[in-house]
Amino acid sequence: MEYLIITLRIISVMALFLFLILKTGRRKIAELPVYDFISMIVLGSVIGADIAEPNTPHLPILFAVVLIVALQYLVSSLLINHKRFARKITFGPTVVIQNGQFIKSNMERLKYPIENVLMALREKDIFDLNEVEYAIVEGSGSISVLKKSQFLPLTPSDMKLNPGVKGLFVPLIVDGKVQDSNLQHLKRDRPWLASQLAQAGVQNFSEVFYADCNSEGRLYVSKIIQASNFNDDFTL
């Protein structure tokens, strides 16, 4: 009986938690702001106590979950609408490199060692500090970097070019199944898709694992192929 109670508690708590999270807004789980991170820890403790102790009344736990998520939603709303309050309880963006020079005082205030800055820069494929104009530690702990102008990649606007809009690629075939609604969105039909696939040597929709296309009619096709051992063909 206890196992049944635990199972029902897990299902009810998870269902409630999922519903509340979907209603309170999207978050990037890997980079939660401070208050969201604290809320997740407290929620985990409350839910863990509920699951580990079947004799604990269940309804008060559900109420606690609702209350914690409601507080998190309230604080998130305050952060959006009251910037002065937001600065008190969150880490705002802080410049750690300015005009190519480290700002030691800001790094000490954040308790952010130089090793962390260098690691974050390497993760952005920056190995030479001479390339960096500004580096900013965001509230989530990640680093945003602005390179010096001479190290920025060349863009069409730099060359006085005006390339056309690519448009969003949408799936047309997924695991052999044609996505007719996406075809209609692109104002295309199955005969057009079949003719395009024929040019790629595909005679049947079922031969295609994945295919997508943009508004310009640019098609990508990946056939269903048998798996082979990559290491048999190449030495790594």
Protein backbone atom coordinates (compact mmCIF):
# COMPACT_ATOMS: atom_id res chain seq x y z
CA MET A 1 0.00 0.00 0.00
CA GLU A 2 2.86 2.36 0.80
CA TYR A 3 4.33 1.86 -2.68
CA LEU A 4 0.98 2.75 -4.24
CA ILE A 5 0.78 5.91 -2.11
CA ILE A 6 4.32 6.92 -3.12
CA THR A 7 3.51 6.30 -6.80
CA LEU A 8 0.34 8.40 -6.64
CA ARG A 9 2.18 11.18 -4.79
CA ILE A 10 4.94 11.30 -7.40
CA ILE A 11 2.40 11.44 -10.24
CA SER A 12 0.29 14.15 -8.59
CA VAL A 13 3.27 16.31 -7.56
CA MET A 14 4.96 16.04 -10.97
CA ALA A 15 1.72 16.80 -12.81
CA LEU A 16 1.08 19.85 -10.60
CA PHE A 17 4.70 21.00 -10.88
CA LEU A 18 4.70 20.68 -14.68
CA PHE A 19 1.42 22.60 -14.93
CA LEU A 20 2.72 25.43 -12.73
CA ILE A 21 6.05 25.69 -14.57
CA LEU A 22 4.27 25.88 -17.94
CA LYS A 23 2.00 28.63 -16.58
CA THR A 24 4.75 30.73 -14.96
CA GLY A 25 6.91 31.14 -18.05
CA ARG A 26 9.86 29.63 -19.86
CA ARG A 27 13.31 29.47 -18.30
CA LYS A 28 16.67 28.29 -19.55
CA ILE A 29 17.20 25.48 -17.05
CA ALA A 30 20.99 25.43 -17.28
CA GLU A 31 21.28 29.15 -16.48
CA LEU A 32 18.65 29.93 -13.85
CA PRO A 33 18.66 33.36 -12.20
CA VAL A 34 19.41 33.41 -8.47
CA TYR A 35 15.85 33.42 -7.13
CA ASP A 36 14.73 30.75 -9.60
CA PHE A 37 17.66 28.58 -8.53
CA ILE A 38 16.73 28.96 -4.84
CA SER A 39 13.10 28.15 -5.65
CA MET A 40 14.14 24.94 -7.40
CA ILE A 41 16.22 23.84 -4.39
CA VAL A 42 13.36 24.50 -1.95
CA LEU A 43 10.87 22.75 -4.23
CA GLY A 44 13.16 19.74 -4.47
CA SER A 45 13.40 19.54 -0.67
CA VAL A 46 9.64 19.82 -0.19
CA ILE A 47 8.82 17.24 -2.86
CA GLY A 48 11.56 14.91 -1.61
CA ALA A 49 10.12 15.01 1.93
CA ASP A 50 6.66 14.24 0.55
CA ILE A 51 7.87 11.21 -1.40
CA ALA A 52 10.20 9.85 1.30
CA GLU A 53 7.60 10.09 4.09
CA PRO A 54 4.34 8.39 3.01
CA ASN A 55 2.80 9.17 6.41
CA THR A 56 3.15 12.92 5.86
CA PRO A 57 -0.15 14.59 4.89
CA HIS A 58 -0.15 15.10 1.13
CA LEU A 59 -2.38 18.15 0.69
CA PRO A 60 -0.15 20.51 2.72
CA ILE A 61 2.77 19.50 0.48
CA LEU A 62 0.77 20.31 -2.63
CA PHE A 63 -0.17 23.66 -1.10
CA ALA A 64 3.52 24.33 -0.37
CA VAL A 65 4.42 23.56 -4.00
CA VAL A 66 1.74 25.97 -5.27
CA LEU A 67 2.86 28.64 -2.80
CA ILE A 68 6.56 28.37 -3.71
CA VAL A 69 5.85 28.56 -7.45
CA ALA A 70 3.42 31.46 -6.88
CA LEU A 71 6.12 33.36 -4.96
CA GLN A 72 8.59 32.64 -7.73
CA TYR A 73 6.09 33.99 -10.28
CA LEU A 74 5.48 37.09 -8.14
CA VAL A 75 9.19 37.79 -7.78
CA SER A 76 9.71 37.29 -11.54
CA SER A 77 6.96 39.85 -12.22
CA LEU A 78 8.58 42.31 -9.78
CA LEU A 79 11.94 41.83 -11.49
CA ILE A 80 10.38 42.80 -14.81
CA ASN A 81 8.42 45.82 -13.57
CA HIS A 82 10.64 47.20 -10.78
CA LYS A 83 14.26 47.50 -11.85
CA ARG A 84 15.43 48.96 -8.52
CA PHE A 85 14.06 45.92 -6.71
CA ALA A 86 15.64 43.66 -9.33
CA ARG A 87 19.09 45.10 -8.68
CA LYS A 88 18.73 44.27 -4.98
CA ILE A 89 18.10 40.54 -5.33
CA THR A 90 19.78 39.58 -8.61
CA PHE A 91 23.20 39.73 -10.19
CA GLY A 92 23.08 42.33 -12.94
CA PRO A 93 25.46 42.31 -15.91
CA THR A 94 28.98 43.28 -14.82
CA VAL A 95 31.87 44.30 -17.07
CA VAL A 96 35.04 42.28 -16.36
CA ILE A 97 37.03 43.30 -19.45
CA GLN A 98 36.82 46.86 -20.79
CA ASN A 99 38.84 48.14 -23.73
CA GLY A 100 40.84 44.92 -23.58
CA GLN A 101 41.78 45.34 -19.90
CA PHE A 102 40.58 43.31 -16.91
CA ILE A 103 38.48 45.20 -14.33
CA LYS A 104 39.93 43.66 -11.16
CA SER A 105 37.53 45.38 -8.74
CA ASN A 106 34.48 43.97 -10.53
CA MET A 107 35.96 40.48 -10.63
CA GLU A 108 36.70 40.61 -6.90
CA ARG A 109 33.18 41.83 -6.15
CA LEU A 110 31.70 38.95 -8.13
CA LYS A 111 34.19 36.42 -6.68
CA TYR A 112 34.86 35.56 -10.34
CA PRO A 113 38.49 34.38 -10.76
CA ILE A 114 40.50 35.04 -13.88
CA GLU A 115 40.59 31.29 -14.61
CA ASN A 116 36.81 31.31 -15.05
CA VAL A 117 37.02 34.24 -17.47
CA LEU A 118 39.71 32.52 -19.53
CA MET A 119 37.73 29.27 -19.61
CA ALA A 120 34.57 31.08 -20.74
CA LEU A 121 36.53 32.84 -23.49
CA ARG A 122 38.00 29.54 -24.70
CA GLU A 123 34.47 28.09 -24.85
CA LYS A 124 33.70 30.92 -27.29
CA ASP A 125 36.80 29.99 -29.35
CA ILE A 126 38.77 33.00 -28.09
CA PHE A 127 42.31 32.05 -27.11
CA ASP A 128 43.93 35.45 -27.59
CA LEU A 129 42.93 38.20 -25.13
CA ASN A 130 44.09 40.78 -27.66
CA GLU A 131 40.88 40.02 -29.60
CA VAL A 132 38.57 41.06 -26.72
CA GLU A 133 37.10 44.56 -26.47
CA TYR A 134 34.47 43.88 -23.78
CA ALA A 135 33.54 40.86 -21.67
CA ILE A 136 30.42 40.99 -19.49
CA VAL A 137 29.37 38.50 -16.83
CA GLU A 138 25.60 38.15 -17.12
CA GLY A 139 23.19 37.55 -14.25
CA SER A 140 23.11 33.83 -15.10
CA GLY A 141 26.91 33.55 -14.71
CA SER A 142 27.62 33.21 -18.43
CA ILE A 143 29.94 35.60 -20.26
CA SER A 144 29.07 37.74 -23.28
CA VAL A 145 31.98 38.92 -25.41
CA LEU A 146 32.41 41.75 -27.91
CA LYS A 147 35.49 41.33 -30.08
CA LYS A 148 37.57 44.21 -31.33
CA SER A 149 36.41 45.39 -34.75
CA GLN A 150 39.46 44.05 -36.58
CA PHE A 151 38.70 40.55 -35.31
CA LEU A 152 35.00 40.50 -36.14
CA PRO A 153 33.95 38.24 -39.04
CA LEU A 154 33.24 39.90 -42.38
CA THR A 155 29.53 40.35 -43.09
CA PRO A 156 27.65 41.03 -46.36
CA SER A 157 26.90 44.58 -45.18
CA ASP A 158 30.64 45.22 -44.81
CA MET A 159 30.99 44.32 -48.49
CA LYS A 160 28.00 46.46 -49.51
CA LEU A 161 26.04 43.32 -50.45
CA ASN A 162 22.32 42.76 -49.96
CA PRO A 163 21.68 39.00 -49.80
CA GLY A 164 18.13 37.73 -49.97
CA VAL A 165 16.21 36.37 -47.01
CA LYS A 166 16.75 32.64 -46.54
CA GLY A 167 13.54 31.96 -44.67
CA LEU A 168 12.97 29.34 -42.01
CA PHE A 169 13.54 25.69 -42.90
CA VAL A 170 10.55 23.51 -42.02
CA PRO A 171 10.39 19.69 -41.96
CA LEU A 172 8.69 18.08 -44.95
CA ILE A 173 9.48 14.43 -44.24
CA VAL A 174 10.22 12.90 -40.84
CA ASP A 175 11.05 9.18 -40.70
CA GLY A 176 9.39 8.52 -44.04
CA LYS A 177 6.18 10.42 -43.21
CA VAL A 178 5.28 13.50 -45.26
CA GLN A 179 4.28 16.60 -43.27
CA ASP A 180 1.44 17.80 -45.49
CA SER A 181 0.62 20.84 -43.33
CA ASN A 182 4.17 22.17 -43.78
CA LEU A 183 3.96 21.55 -47.52
CA GLN A 184 0.80 23.65 -47.66
CA HIS A 185 2.47 26.38 -45.62
CA LEU A 186 5.21 26.57 -48.27
CA LYS A 187 2.55 26.49 -51.03
CA ARG A 188 3.93 23.20 -52.31
CA ASP A 189 2.41 19.76 -52.86
CA ARG A 190 3.41 16.10 -52.94
CA PRO A 191 4.08 15.98 -56.71
CA TRP A 192 6.54 18.88 -56.34
CA LEU A 193 8.23 17.13 -53.41
CA ALA A 194 8.41 13.84 -55.34
CA SER A 195 10.06 15.58 -58.32
CA GLN A 196 12.62 17.24 -56.04
CA LEU A 197 13.42 13.93 -54.37
CA ALA A 198 13.75 12.22 -57.75
CA GLN A 199 16.54 14.68 -58.61
CA ALA A 200 18.32 13.48 -55.47
CA GLY A 201 17.91 9.84 -56.50
CA VAL A 202 14.99 9.12 -54.17
CA GLN A 203 12.04 7.25 -55.65
CA ASN A 204 9.80 6.90 -52.59
CA PHE A 205 9.01 9.01 -49.56
CA SER A 206 9.66 6.01 -47.31
CA GLU A 207 13.35 6.10 -48.32
CA VAL A 208 13.79 9.48 -46.62
CA PHE A 209 14.64 9.77 -42.93
CA TYR A 210 14.47 13.58 -42.87
CA ALA A 211 13.89 16.34 -45.39
CA ASP A 212 13.28 20.05 -44.94
CA CYS A 213 12.87 23.09 -47.15
CA ASN A 214 12.69 26.89 -46.90
CA SER A 215 10.48 29.41 -48.68
CA GLU A 216 12.98 29.65 -51.55
CA GLY A 217 12.59 25.94 -52.30
CA ARG A 218 16.05 24.97 -51.05
CA LEU A 219 15.79 21.33 -50.04
CA TYR A 220 17.83 19.18 -47.64
CA VAL A 221 17.44 15.40 -47.80
CA SER A 222 18.82 12.65 -45.58
CA LYS A 223 18.07 9.10 -46.66
CA ILE A 224 17.52 6.12 -44.38
CA ILE A 225 20.85 4.28 -44.45
CA GLN A 226 22.19 1.27 -42.65
CA ALA A 227 24.45 2.01 -39.72
CA SER A 228 28.16 1.27 -40.16
CA ASN A 229 31.04 1.40 -37.76
CA PHE A 230 32.81 4.70 -38.42
CA ASN A 231 35.99 3.40 -36.80
CA ASP A 232 36.19 0.58 -39.37
CA ASP A 233 36.59 3.16 -42.13
CA PHE A 234 38.67 5.82 -40.36
CA THR A 235 41.41 5.83 -37.76
CA LEU A 236 40.74 8.43 -35.09
